[in-house]
Amino acid sequence: MKHKPVQAVPRERLFSLDALRGFDMFWITGGSYLVTVIANYSGAAWMKPIVEQMEHVPWNGFHFYDLIFPLFMFISGVAIPFALVSKLERKVPRYELAKKAVTRGLILVLLGFIY
């Protein structure tokens, strides 16, 4: 008697998390530079306060740009449980998950040193 292969039911994506991730990655990958170039090229006075938000300043409260990396960490923290549950449902061994997490962590640390 042959068993039918079990197919995992595709999980719906959390589009709000995807949209927030895209928004954050835009800023991480140079969105502030793009905004600054557009403001300087156009000479639009209304963009000056926006450009000021794209710079790190001496501590005098938060600017928008200061919140980009913490937002990325928040997104990562929210996404990890979804990814782990999905992998466990597909019967990926826990040691494989641990190995992948350690490898990614070491690569990120190495890239941080290089940067």
PDB file of N, CA and C in Angstrom:
ATOM      1  N   MET A   1       0.833  -1.173   0.000  1.00  0.00           N
ATOM      2  CA  MET A   1       0.000   0.000   0.000  1.00  0.00           C
ATOM      3  C   MET A   1       0.884   1.245   0.000  1.00  0.00           C
ATOM      4  N   LYS A   2       0.724   2.074  -1.024  1.00  0.00           N
ATOM      5  CA  LYS A   2       1.533   3.284  -1.140  1.00  0.00           C
ATOM      6  C   LYS A   2       0.833   4.440  -0.449  1.00  0.00           C
ATOM      7  N   HIS A   3       1.645   5.234   0.204  1.00  0.00           N
ATOM      8  CA  HIS A   3       1.112   6.443   0.841  1.00  0.00           C
ATOM      9  C   HIS A   3       1.283   7.618  -0.094  1.00  0.00           C
ATOM     10  N   LYS A   4       0.292   8.468  -0.102  1.00  0.00           N
ATOM     11  CA  LYS A   4       0.392   9.688  -0.891  1.00  0.00           C
ATOM     12  C   LYS A   4       1.357  10.639  -0.181  1.00  0.00           C
ATOM     13  N   PRO A   5       2.194  11.322  -0.955  1.00  0.00           N
ATOM     14  CA  PRO A   5       3.078  12.294  -0.306  1.00  0.00           C
ATOM     15  C   PRO A   5       2.257  13.412   0.330  1.00  0.00           C
ATOM     16  N   VAL A   6       2.688  13.807   1.501  1.00  0.00           N
ATOM     17  CA  VAL A   6       1.995  14.869   2.217  1.00  0.00           C
ATOM     18  C   VAL A   6       2.513  16.203   1.699  1.00  0.00           C
ATOM     19  N   GLN A   7       1.600  17.045   1.277  1.00  0.00           N
ATOM     20  CA  GLN A   7       2.004  18.367   0.806  1.00  0.00           C
ATOM     21  C   GLN A   7       1.668  19.390   1.874  1.00  0.00           C
ATOM     22  N   ALA A   8       2.648  20.213   2.146  1.00  0.00           N
ATOM     23  CA  ALA A   8       2.418  21.269   3.130  1.00  0.00           C
ATOM     24  C   ALA A   8       1.479  22.316   2.539  1.00  0.00           C
ATOM     25  N   VAL A   9       0.597  22.799   3.369  1.00  0.00           N
ATOM     26  CA  VAL A   9      -0.311  23.858   2.950  1.00  0.00           C
ATOM     27  C   VAL A   9       0.470  25.164   2.973  1.00  0.00           C
ATOM     28  N   PRO A  10       0.526  25.861   1.831  1.00  0.00           N
ATOM     29  CA  PRO A  10       1.296  27.107   1.842  1.00  0.00           C
ATOM     30  C   PRO A  10       0.685  28.107   2.823  1.00  0.00           C
ATOM     31  N   ARG A  11       1.548  28.717   3.596  1.00  0.00           N
ATOM     32  CA  ARG A  11       1.081  29.716   4.559  1.00  0.00           C
ATOM     33  C   ARG A  11       0.936  31.049   3.845  1.00  0.00           C
ATOM     34  N   GLU A  12      -0.040  31.789   4.272  1.00  0.00           N
ATOM     35  CA  GLU A  12      -0.203  33.118   3.701  1.00  0.00           C
ATOM     36  C   GLU A  12       0.871  34.025   4.252  1.00  0.00           C
ATOM     37  N   ARG A  13       1.396  34.874   3.403  1.00  0.00           N
ATOM     38  CA  ARG A  13       2.421  35.818   3.831  1.00  0.00           C
ATOM     39  C   ARG A  13       1.764  36.939   4.629  1.00  0.00           C
ATOM     40  N   LEU A  14       2.512  37.465   5.540  1.00  0.00           N
ATOM     41  CA  LEU A  14       2.068  38.610   6.309  1.00  0.00           C
ATOM     42  C   LEU A  14       2.516  39.858   5.542  1.00  0.00           C
ATOM     43  N   PHE A  15       1.646  40.332   4.652  1.00  0.00           N
ATOM     44  CA  PHE A  15       2.026  41.400   3.731  1.00  0.00           C
ATOM     45  C   PHE A  15       2.406  42.689   4.453  1.00  0.00           C
ATOM     46  N   SER A  16       1.804  42.949   5.591  1.00  0.00           N
ATOM     47  CA  SER A  16       2.166  44.164   6.314  1.00  0.00           C
ATOM     48  C   SER A  16       3.626  44.100   6.763  1.00  0.00           C
ATOM     49  N   LEU A  17       4.092  42.908   7.162  1.00  0.00           N
ATOM     50  CA  LEU A  17       5.494  42.750   7.548  1.00  0.00           C
ATOM     51  C   LEU A  17       6.396  42.879   6.324  1.00  0.00           C
ATOM     52  N   ASP A  18       5.978  42.321   5.196  1.00  0.00           N
ATOM     53  CA  ASP A  18       6.750  42.463   3.961  1.00  0.00           C
ATOM     54  C   ASP A  18       6.860  43.931   3.550  1.00  0.00           C
ATOM     55  N   ALA A  19       5.758  44.661   3.649  1.00  0.00           N
ATOM     56  CA  ALA A  19       5.770  46.075   3.272  1.00  0.00           C
ATOM     57  C   ALA A  19       6.681  46.873   4.206  1.00  0.00           C
ATOM     58  N   LEU A  20       6.599  46.603   5.500  1.00  0.00           N
ATOM     59  CA  LEU A  20       7.456  47.304   6.451  1.00  0.00           C
ATOM     60  C   LEU A  20       8.920  46.963   6.202  1.00  0.00           C
ATOM     61  N   ARG A  21       9.207  45.703   5.890  1.00  0.00           N
ATOM     62  CA  ARG A  21      10.583  45.293   5.583  1.00  0.00           C
ATOM     63  C   ARG A  21      11.092  46.034   4.349  1.00  0.00           C
ATOM     64  N   GLY A  22      10.278  46.135   3.325  1.00  0.00           N
ATOM     65  CA  GLY A  22      10.673  46.857   2.111  1.00  0.00           C
ATOM     66  C   GLY A  22      10.934  48.329   2.381  1.00  0.00           C
ATOM     67  N   PHE A  23      10.062  48.948   3.166  1.00  0.00           N
ATOM     68  CA  PHE A  23      10.234  50.351   3.547  1.00  0.00           C
ATOM     69  C   PHE A  23      11.548  50.543   4.286  1.00  0.00           C
ATOM     70  N   ASP A  24      11.834  49.667   5.232  1.00  0.00           N
ATOM     71  CA  ASP A  24      13.056  49.784   6.027  1.00  0.00           C
ATOM     72  C   ASP A  24      14.288  49.528   5.160  1.00  0.00           C
ATOM     73  N   MET A  25      14.229  48.520   4.292  1.00  0.00           N
ATOM     74  CA  MET A  25      15.379  48.220   3.438  1.00  0.00           C
ATOM     75  C   MET A  25      15.658  49.357   2.460  1.00  0.00           C
ATOM     76  N   PHE A  26      14.626  50.072   2.031  1.00  0.00           N
ATOM     77  CA  PHE A  26      14.830  51.247   1.181  1.00  0.00           C
ATOM     78  C   PHE A  26      15.746  52.243   1.880  1.00  0.00           C
ATOM     79  N   TRP A  27      15.488  52.504   3.151  1.00  0.00           N
ATOM     80  CA  TRP A  27      16.310  53.473   3.889  1.00  0.00           C
ATOM     81  C   TRP A  27      17.688  52.922   4.188  1.00  0.00           C
ATOM     82  N   ILE A  28      17.777  51.635   4.517  1.00  0.00           N
ATOM     83  CA  ILE A  28      19.072  51.024   4.820  1.00  0.00           C
ATOM     84  C   ILE A  28      19.982  51.055   3.598  1.00  0.00           C
ATOM     85  N   THR A  29      19.416  50.833   2.424  1.00  0.00           N
ATOM     86  CA  THR A  29      20.235  50.730   1.213  1.00  0.00           C
ATOM     87  C   THR A  29      20.451  52.053   0.499  1.00  0.00           C
ATOM     88  N   GLY A  30      20.148  53.150   1.127  1.00  0.00           N
ATOM     89  CA  GLY A  30      20.505  54.439   0.534  1.00  0.00           C
ATOM     90  C   GLY A  30      19.365  55.365   0.235  1.00  0.00           C
ATOM     91  N   GLY A  31      18.221  55.122   0.790  1.00  0.00           N
ATOM     92  CA  GLY A  31      17.089  56.020   0.572  1.00  0.00           C
ATOM     93  C   GLY A  31      17.386  57.438   1.015  1.00  0.00           C
ATOM     94  N   SER A  32      18.141  57.583   2.099  1.00  0.00           N
ATOM     95  CA  SER A  32      18.457  58.930   2.584  1.00  0.00           C
ATOM     96  C   SER A  32      19.327  59.673   1.578  1.00  0.00           C
ATOM     97  N   TYR A  33      20.249  58.953   0.948  1.00  0.00           N
ATOM     98  CA  TYR A  33      21.093  59.581  -0.069  1.00  0.00           C
ATOM     99  C   TYR A  33      20.243  60.046  -1.249  1.00  0.00           C
ATOM    100  N   LEU A  34      19.301  59.203  -1.673  1.00  0.00           N
ATOM    101  CA  LEU A  34      18.415  59.550  -2.769  1.00  0.00           C
ATOM    102  C   LEU A  34      17.600  60.806  -2.443  1.00  0.00           C
ATOM    103  N   VAL A  35      17.054  60.858  -1.243  1.00  0.00           N
ATOM    104  CA  VAL A  35      16.264  62.026  -0.827  1.00  0.00           C
ATOM    105  C   VAL A  35      17.139  63.274  -0.814  1.00  0.00           C
ATOM    106  N   THR A  36      18.359  63.149  -0.301  1.00  0.00           N
ATOM    107  CA  THR A  36      19.270  64.300  -0.243  1.00  0.00           C
ATOM    108  C   THR A  36      19.627  64.789  -1.643  1.00  0.00           C
ATOM    109  N   VAL A  37      19.914  63.863  -2.556  1.00  0.00           N
ATOM    110  CA  VAL A  37      20.253  64.241  -3.930  1.00  0.00           C
ATOM    111  C   VAL A  37      19.080  64.943  -4.598  1.00  0.00           C
ATOM    112  N   ILE A  38      17.882  64.395  -4.431  1.00  0.00           N
ATOM    113  CA  ILE A  38      16.688  65.017  -5.031  1.00  0.00           C
ATOM    114  C   ILE A  38      16.487  66.415  -4.460  1.00  0.00           C
ATOM    115  N   ALA A  39      16.650  66.562  -3.156  1.00  0.00           N
ATOM    116  CA  ALA A  39      16.465  67.876  -2.528  1.00  0.00           C
ATOM    117  C   ALA A  39      17.503  68.873  -3.035  1.00  0.00           C
ATOM    118  N   ASN A  40      18.760  68.452  -3.115  1.00  0.00           N
ATOM    119  CA  ASN A  40      19.810  69.361  -3.584  1.00  0.00           C
ATOM    120  C   ASN A  40      19.644  69.715  -5.053  1.00  0.00           C
ATOM    121  N   TYR A  41      19.263  68.735  -5.861  1.00  0.00           N
ATOM    122  CA  TYR A  41      19.103  68.960  -7.297  1.00  0.00           C
ATOM    123  C   TYR A  41      17.897  69.844  -7.599  1.00  0.00           C
ATOM    124  N   SER A  42      16.809  69.594  -6.873  1.00  0.00           N
ATOM    125  CA  SER A  42      15.581  70.349  -7.154  1.00  0.00           C
ATOM    126  C   SER A  42      15.583  71.720  -6.500  1.00  0.00           C
ATOM    127  N   GLY A  43      16.329  71.848  -5.393  1.00  0.00           N
ATOM    128  CA  GLY A  43      16.337  73.118  -4.666  1.00  0.00           C
ATOM    129  C   GLY A  43      15.027  73.390  -3.942  1.00  0.00           C
ATOM    130  N   ALA A  44      14.198  72.366  -3.776  1.00  0.00           N
ATOM    131  CA  ALA A  44      12.893  72.533  -3.128  1.00  0.00           C
ATOM    132  C   ALA A  44      13.081  72.830  -1.636  1.00  0.00           C
ATOM    133  N   ALA A  45      12.636  73.989  -1.228  1.00  0.00           N
ATOM    134  CA  ALA A  45      12.799  74.405   0.171  1.00  0.00           C
ATOM    135  C   ALA A  45      12.011  73.509   1.120  1.00  0.00           C
ATOM    136  N   TRP A  46      10.886  72.971   0.668  1.00  0.00           N
ATOM    137  CA  TRP A  46      10.058  72.135   1.549  1.00  0.00           C
ATOM    138  C   TRP A  46      10.744  70.808   1.890  1.00  0.00           C
ATOM    139  N   MET A  47      11.787  70.446   1.120  1.00  0.00           N
ATOM    140  CA  MET A  47      12.490  69.194   1.398  1.00  0.00           C
ATOM    141  C   MET A  47      13.588  69.345   2.442  1.00  0.00           C
ATOM    142  N   LYS A  48      13.946  70.582   2.800  1.00  0.00           N
ATOM    143  CA  LYS A  48      15.022  70.793   3.773  1.00  0.00           C
ATOM    144  C   LYS A  48      14.738  70.101   5.113  1.00  0.00           C
ATOM    145  N   PRO A  49      13.532  70.218   5.686  1.00  0.00           N
ATOM    146  CA  PRO A  49      13.273  69.505   6.943  1.00  0.00           C
ATOM    147  C   PRO A  49      13.347  67.978   6.792  1.00  0.00           C
ATOM    148  N   ILE A  50      13.016  67.477   5.610  1.00  0.00           N
ATOM    149  CA  ILE A  50      13.100  66.035   5.374  1.00  0.00           C
ATOM    150  C   ILE A  50      14.556  65.605   5.341  1.00  0.00           C
ATOM    151  N   VAL A  51      15.403  66.366   4.639  1.00  0.00           N
ATOM    152  CA  VAL A  51      16.832  66.057   4.558  1.00  0.00           C
ATOM    153  C   VAL A  51      17.464  66.115   5.946  1.00  0.00           C
ATOM    154  N   GLU A  52      17.042  67.060   6.766  1.00  0.00           N
ATOM    155  CA  GLU A  52      17.584  67.164   8.129  1.00  0.00           C
ATOM    156  C   GLU A  52      17.280  65.912   8.944  1.00  0.00           C
ATOM    157  N   GLN A  53      16.173  65.244   8.638  1.00  0.00           N
ATOM    158  CA  GLN A  53      15.823  64.016   9.347  1.00  0.00           C
ATOM    159  C   GLN A  53      16.705  62.840   8.933  1.00  0.00           C
ATOM    160  N   MET A  54      17.442  62.986   7.858  1.00  0.00           N
ATOM    161  CA  MET A  54      18.275  61.904   7.335  1.00  0.00           C
ATOM    162  C   MET A  54      19.702  61.938   7.881  1.00  0.00           C
ATOM    163  N   GLU A  55      19.993  62.843   8.788  1.00  0.00           N
ATOM    164  CA  GLU A  55      21.342  62.975   9.320  1.00  0.00           C
ATOM    165  C   GLU A  55      21.376  62.577  10.785  1.00  0.00           C
ATOM    166  N   HIS A  56      22.523  62.024  11.183  1.00  0.00           N
ATOM    167  CA  HIS A  56      22.734  61.780  12.601  1.00  0.00           C
ATOM    168  C   HIS A  56      23.147  63.101  13.224  1.00  0.00           C
ATOM    169  N   VAL A  57      22.598  63.381  14.363  1.00  0.00           N
ATOM    170  CA  VAL A  57      22.870  64.658  15.023  1.00  0.00           C
ATOM    171  C   VAL A  57      23.374  64.398  16.431  1.00  0.00           C
ATOM    172  N   PRO A  58      24.014  65.387  17.028  1.00  0.00           N
ATOM    173  CA  PRO A  58      24.343  65.231  18.453  1.00  0.00           C
ATOM    174  C   PRO A  58      23.047  64.955  19.215  1.00  0.00           C
ATOM    175  N   TRP A  59      23.150  64.194  20.282  1.00  0.00           N
ATOM    176  CA  TRP A  59      21.955  63.762  20.994  1.00  0.00           C
ATOM    177  C   TRP A  59      21.092  64.942  21.394  1.00  0.00           C
ATOM    178  N   ASN A  60      19.923  64.974  20.813  1.00  0.00           N
ATOM    179  CA  ASN A  60      18.922  65.985  21.123  1.00  0.00           C
ATOM    180  C   ASN A  60      17.561  65.381  20.800  1.00  0.00           C
ATOM    181  N   GLY A  61      17.432  64.105  21.107  1.00  0.00           N
ATOM    182  CA  GLY A  61      16.210  63.392  20.759  1.00  0.00           C
ATOM    183  C   GLY A  61      16.405  62.601  19.481  1.00  0.00           C
ATOM    184  N   PHE A  62      15.417  61.787  19.155  1.00  0.00           N
ATOM    185  CA  PHE A  62      15.509  60.935  17.981  1.00  0.00           C
ATOM    186  C   PHE A  62      15.207  61.699  16.704  1.00  0.00           C
ATOM    187  N   HIS A  63      15.901  61.330  15.665  1.00  0.00           N
ATOM    188  CA  HIS A  63      15.547  61.700  14.309  1.00  0.00           C
ATOM    189  C   HIS A  63      15.053  60.438  13.634  1.00  0.00           C
ATOM    190  N   PHE A  64      14.339  60.594  12.560  1.00  0.00           N
ATOM    191  CA  PHE A  64      13.798  59.451  11.828  1.00  0.00           C
ATOM    192  C   PHE A  64      14.878  58.422  11.530  1.00  0.00           C
ATOM    193  N   TYR A  65      16.030  58.885  11.037  1.00  0.00           N
ATOM    194  CA  TYR A  65      17.100  57.978  10.606  1.00  0.00           C
ATOM    195  C   TYR A  65      17.622  57.118  11.750  1.00  0.00           C
ATOM    196  N   ASP A  66      17.530  57.608  12.970  1.00  0.00           N
ATOM    197  CA  ASP A  66      18.009  56.859  14.136  1.00  0.00           C
ATOM    198  C   ASP A  66      17.126  55.646  14.449  1.00  0.00           C
ATOM    199  N   LEU A  67      15.962  55.593  13.864  1.00  0.00           N
ATOM    200  CA  LEU A  67      15.032  54.507  14.162  1.00  0.00           C
ATOM    201  C   LEU A  67      15.042  53.395  13.115  1.00  0.00           C
ATOM    202  N   ILE A  68      15.830  53.559  12.045  1.00  0.00           N
ATOM    203  CA  ILE A  68      15.804  52.589  10.958  1.00  0.00           C
ATOM    204  C   ILE A  68      16.366  51.242  11.398  1.00  0.00           C
ATOM    205  N   PHE A  69      17.539  51.217  12.015  1.00  0.00           N
ATOM    206  CA  PHE A  69      18.104  49.928  12.418  1.00  0.00           C
ATOM    207  C   PHE A  69      17.272  49.251  13.504  1.00  0.00           C
ATOM    208  N   PRO A  70      16.811  49.977  14.534  1.00  0.00           N
ATOM    209  CA  PRO A  70      15.925  49.303  15.497  1.00  0.00           C
ATOM    210  C   PRO A  70      14.659  48.740  14.838  1.00  0.00           C
ATOM    211  N   LEU A  71      14.149  49.422  13.829  1.00  0.00           N
ATOM    212  CA  LEU A  71      12.993  48.897  13.104  1.00  0.00           C
ATOM    213  C   LEU A  71      13.350  47.590  12.409  1.00  0.00           C
ATOM    214  N   PHE A  72      14.540  47.523  11.815  1.00  0.00           N
ATOM    215  CA  PHE A  72      14.981  46.294  11.156  1.00  0.00           C
ATOM    216  C   PHE A  72      15.079  45.157  12.167  1.00  0.00           C
ATOM    217  N   MET A  73      15.600  45.433  13.347  1.00  0.00           N
ATOM    218  CA  MET A  73      15.716  44.401  14.377  1.00  0.00           C
ATOM    219  C   MET A  73      14.328  43.929  14.824  1.00  0.00           C
ATOM    220  N   PHE A  74      13.384  44.860  14.933  1.00  0.00           N
ATOM    221  CA  PHE A  74      12.009  44.506  15.280  1.00  0.00           C
ATOM    222  C   PHE A  74      11.412  43.582  14.216  1.00  0.00           C
ATOM    223  N   ILE A  75      11.593  43.948  12.942  1.00  0.00           N
ATOM    224  CA  ILE A  75      11.058  43.133  11.847  1.00  0.00           C
ATOM    225  C   ILE A  75      11.656  41.733  11.894  1.00  0.00           C
ATOM    226  N   SER A  76      12.961  41.653  12.114  1.00  0.00           N
ATOM    227  CA  SER A  76      13.625  40.344  12.188  1.00  0.00           C
ATOM    228  C   SER A  76      13.050  39.518  13.330  1.00  0.00           C
ATOM    229  N   GLY A  77      12.849  40.157  14.467  1.00  0.00           N
ATOM    230  CA  GLY A  77      12.296  39.444  15.615  1.00  0.00           C
ATOM    231  C   GLY A  77      10.892  38.925  15.366  1.00  0.00           C
ATOM    232  N   VAL A  78      10.106  39.688  14.630  1.00  0.00           N
ATOM    233  CA  VAL A  78       8.743  39.255  14.316  1.00  0.00           C
ATOM    234  C   VAL A  78       8.766  38.126  13.289  1.00  0.00           C
ATOM    235  N   ALA A  79       9.691  38.174  12.336  1.00  0.00           N
ATOM    236  CA  ALA A  79       9.717  37.203  11.242  1.00  0.00           C
ATOM    237  C   ALA A  79      10.284  35.845  11.659  1.00  0.00           C
ATOM    238  N   ILE A  80      11.188  35.817  12.616  1.00  0.00           N
ATOM    239  CA  ILE A  80      11.849  34.563  12.988  1.00  0.00           C
ATOM    240  C   ILE A  80      10.868  33.463  13.404  1.00  0.00           C
ATOM    241  N   PRO A  81       9.908  33.728  14.279  1.00  0.00           N
ATOM    242  CA  PRO A  81       8.978  32.644  14.641  1.00  0.00           C
ATOM    243  C   PRO A  81       8.200  32.095  13.448  1.00  0.00           C
ATOM    244  N   PHE A  82       7.816  32.962  12.514  1.00  0.00           N
ATOM    245  CA  PHE A  82       7.101  32.488  11.326  1.00  0.00           C
ATOM    246  C   PHE A  82       7.992  31.536  10.523  1.00  0.00           C
ATOM    247  N   ALA A  83       9.251  31.903  10.356  1.00  0.00           N
ATOM    248  CA  ALA A  83      10.177  31.076   9.580  1.00  0.00           C
ATOM    249  C   ALA A  83      10.439  29.749  10.283  1.00  0.00           C
ATOM    250  N   LEU A  84      10.630  29.784  11.588  1.00  0.00           N
ATOM    251  CA  LEU A  84      10.912  28.549  12.325  1.00  0.00           C
ATOM    252  C   LEU A  84       9.732  27.580  12.279  1.00  0.00           C
ATOM    253  N   VAL A  85       8.540  28.088  12.490  1.00  0.00           N
ATOM    254  CA  VAL A  85       7.354  27.225  12.448  1.00  0.00           C
ATOM    255  C   VAL A  85       7.212  26.593  11.071  1.00  0.00           C
ATOM    256  N   SER A  86       7.437  27.392  10.037  1.00  0.00           N
ATOM    257  CA  SER A  86       7.340  26.882   8.665  1.00  0.00           C
ATOM    258  C   SER A  86       8.341  25.758   8.423  1.00  0.00           C
ATOM    259  N   LYS A  87       9.575  25.950   8.877  1.00  0.00           N
ATOM    260  CA  LYS A  87      10.608  24.918   8.694  1.00  0.00           C
ATOM    261  C   LYS A  87      10.285  23.662   9.508  1.00  0.00           C
ATOM    262  N   LEU A  88       9.829  23.834  10.729  1.00  0.00           N
ATOM    263  CA  LEU A  88       9.500  22.678  11.560  1.00  0.00           C
ATOM    264  C   LEU A  88       8.328  21.894  10.980  1.00  0.00           C
ATOM    265  N   GLU A  89       7.359  22.599  10.383  1.00  0.00           N
ATOM    266  CA  GLU A  89       6.239  21.924   9.736  1.00  0.00           C
ATOM    267  C   GLU A  89       6.694  21.102   8.540  1.00  0.00           C
ATOM    268  N   ARG A  90       7.793  21.525   7.909  1.00  0.00           N
ATOM    269  CA  ARG A  90       8.340  20.784   6.767  1.00  0.00           C
ATOM    270  C   ARG A  90       9.347  19.737   7.226  1.00  0.00           C
ATOM    271  N   LYS A  91       9.352  19.481   8.532  1.00  0.00           N
ATOM    272  CA  LYS A  91      10.172  18.421   9.131  1.00  0.00           C
ATOM    273  C   LYS A  91      11.679  18.641   8.953  1.00  0.00           C
ATOM    274  N   VAL A  92      12.101  19.904   8.910  1.00  0.00           N
ATOM    275  CA  VAL A  92      13.534  20.198   8.880  1.00  0.00           C
ATOM    276  C   VAL A  92      14.075  19.909  10.277  1.00  0.00           C
ATOM    277  N   PRO A  93      15.142  19.104  10.372  1.00  0.00           N
ATOM    278  CA  PRO A  93      15.685  18.758  11.692  1.00  0.00           C
ATOM    279  C   PRO A  93      16.162  20.005  12.447  1.00  0.00           C
ATOM    280  N   ARG A  94      15.968  19.964  13.764  1.00  0.00           N
ATOM    281  CA  ARG A  94      16.350  21.102  14.592  1.00  0.00           C
ATOM    282  C   ARG A  94      17.837  21.414  14.503  1.00  0.00           C
ATOM    283  N   TYR A  95      18.682  20.369  14.376  1.00  0.00           N
ATOM    284  CA  TYR A  95      20.116  20.635  14.285  1.00  0.00           C
ATOM    285  C   TYR A  95      20.457  21.395  12.998  1.00  0.00           C
ATOM    286  N   GLU A  96      19.689  21.175  11.914  1.00  0.00           N
ATOM    287  CA  GLU A  96      19.902  21.921  10.675  1.00  0.00           C
ATOM    288  C   GLU A  96      19.541  23.398  10.880  1.00  0.00           C
ATOM    289  N   LEU A  97      18.450  23.631  11.604  1.00  0.00           N
ATOM    290  CA  LEU A  97      18.053  25.010  11.887  1.00  0.00           C
ATOM    291  C   LEU A  97      19.104  25.718  12.729  1.00  0.00           C
ATOM    292  N   ALA A  98      19.617  25.012  13.748  1.00  0.00           N
ATOM    293  CA  ALA A  98      20.651  25.600  14.611  1.00  0.00           C
ATOM    294  C   ALA A  98      21.921  25.877  13.816  1.00  0.00           C
ATOM    295  N   LYS A  99      22.299  24.931  12.966  1.00  0.00           N
ATOM    296  CA  LYS A  99      23.505  25.092  12.141  1.00  0.00           C
ATOM    297  C   LYS A  99      23.364  26.315  11.227  1.00  0.00           C
ATOM    298  N   LYS A 100      22.202  26.457  10.614  1.00  0.00           N
ATOM    299  CA  LYS A 100      21.963  27.590   9.714  1.00  0.00           C
ATOM    300  C   LYS A 100      21.995  28.911  10.489  1.00  0.00           C
ATOM    301  N   ALA A 101      21.409  28.932  11.688  1.00  0.00           N
ATOM    302  CA  ALA A 101      21.387  30.158  12.491  1.00  0.00           C
ATOM    303  C   ALA A 101      22.796  30.561  12.908  1.00  0.00           C
ATOM    304  N   VAL A 102      23.601  29.602  13.336  1.00  0.00           N
ATOM    305  CA  VAL A 102      24.981  29.904  13.748  1.00  0.00           C
ATOM    306  C   VAL A 102      25.795  30.373  12.549  1.00  0.00           C
ATOM    307  N   THR A 103      25.640  29.700  11.405  1.00  0.00           N
ATOM    308  CA  THR A 103      26.368  30.098  10.194  1.00  0.00           C
ATOM    309  C   THR A 103      26.004  31.522   9.790  1.00  0.00           C
ATOM    310  N   ARG A 104      24.720  31.833   9.769  1.00  0.00           N
ATOM    311  CA  ARG A 104      24.292  33.197   9.413  1.00  0.00           C
ATOM    312  C   ARG A 104      24.830  34.219  10.396  1.00  0.00           C
ATOM    313  N   GLY A 105      24.796  33.876  11.683  1.00  0.00           N
ATOM    314  CA  GLY A 105      25.314  34.792  12.703  1.00  0.00           C
ATOM    315  C   GLY A 105      26.790  35.081  12.502  1.00  0.00           C
ATOM    316  N   LEU A 106      27.570  34.037  12.228  1.00  0.00           N
ATOM    317  CA  LEU A 106      29.010  34.226  12.007  1.00  0.00           C
ATOM    318  C   LEU A 106      29.277  35.059  10.749  1.00  0.00           C
ATOM    319  N   ILE A 107      28.512  34.810   9.696  1.00  0.00           N
ATOM    320  CA  ILE A 107      28.671  35.593   8.468  1.00  0.00           C
ATOM    321  C   ILE A 107      28.357  37.061   8.734  1.00  0.00           C
ATOM    322  N   LEU A 108      27.296  37.328   9.480  1.00  0.00           N
ATOM    323  CA  LEU A 108      26.947  38.719   9.782  1.00  0.00           C
ATOM    324  C   LEU A 108      28.016  39.406  10.619  1.00  0.00           C
ATOM    325  N   VAL A 109      28.574  38.692  11.586  1.00  0.00           N
ATOM    326  CA  VAL A 109      29.648  39.266  12.400  1.00  0.00           C
ATOM    327  C   VAL A 109      30.857  39.554  11.513  1.00  0.00           C
ATOM    328  N   LEU A 110      31.214  38.615  10.630  1.00  0.00           N
ATOM    329  CA  LEU A 110      32.332  38.810   9.733  1.00  0.00           C
ATOM    330  C   LEU A 110      32.099  40.019   8.817  1.00  0.00           C
ATOM    331  N   LEU A 111      30.904  40.107   8.252  1.00  0.00           N
ATOM    332  CA  LEU A 111      30.587  41.250   7.400  1.00  0.00           C
ATOM    333  C   LEU A 111      30.647  42.557   8.191  1.00  0.00           C
ATOM    334  N   GLY A 112      30.234  42.510   9.458  1.00  0.00           N
ATOM    335  CA  GLY A 112      30.329  43.701  10.299  1.00  0.00           C
ATOM    336  C   GLY A 112      31.760  44.131  10.505  1.00  0.00           C
ATOM    337  N   PHE A 113      32.650  43.167  10.721  1.00  0.00           N
ATOM    338  CA  PHE A 113      34.074  43.499  10.862  1.00  0.00           C
ATOM    339  C   PHE A 113      34.633  44.093   9.582  1.00  0.00           C
ATOM    340  N   ILE A 114      34.255  43.524   8.445  1.00  0.00           N
ATOM    341  CA  ILE A 114      34.744  44.017   7.146  1.00  0.00           C
ATOM    342  C   ILE A 114      34.237  45.430   6.903  1.00  0.00           C
ATOM    343  N   TYR A 115      32.967  45.641   7.233  1.00  0.00           N
ATOM    344  CA  TYR A 115      32.382  46.963   7.007  1.00  0.00           C
ATOM    345  C   TYR A 115      33.063  48.005   7.873  1.00  0.00           C
TER     346      TYR A 115
END
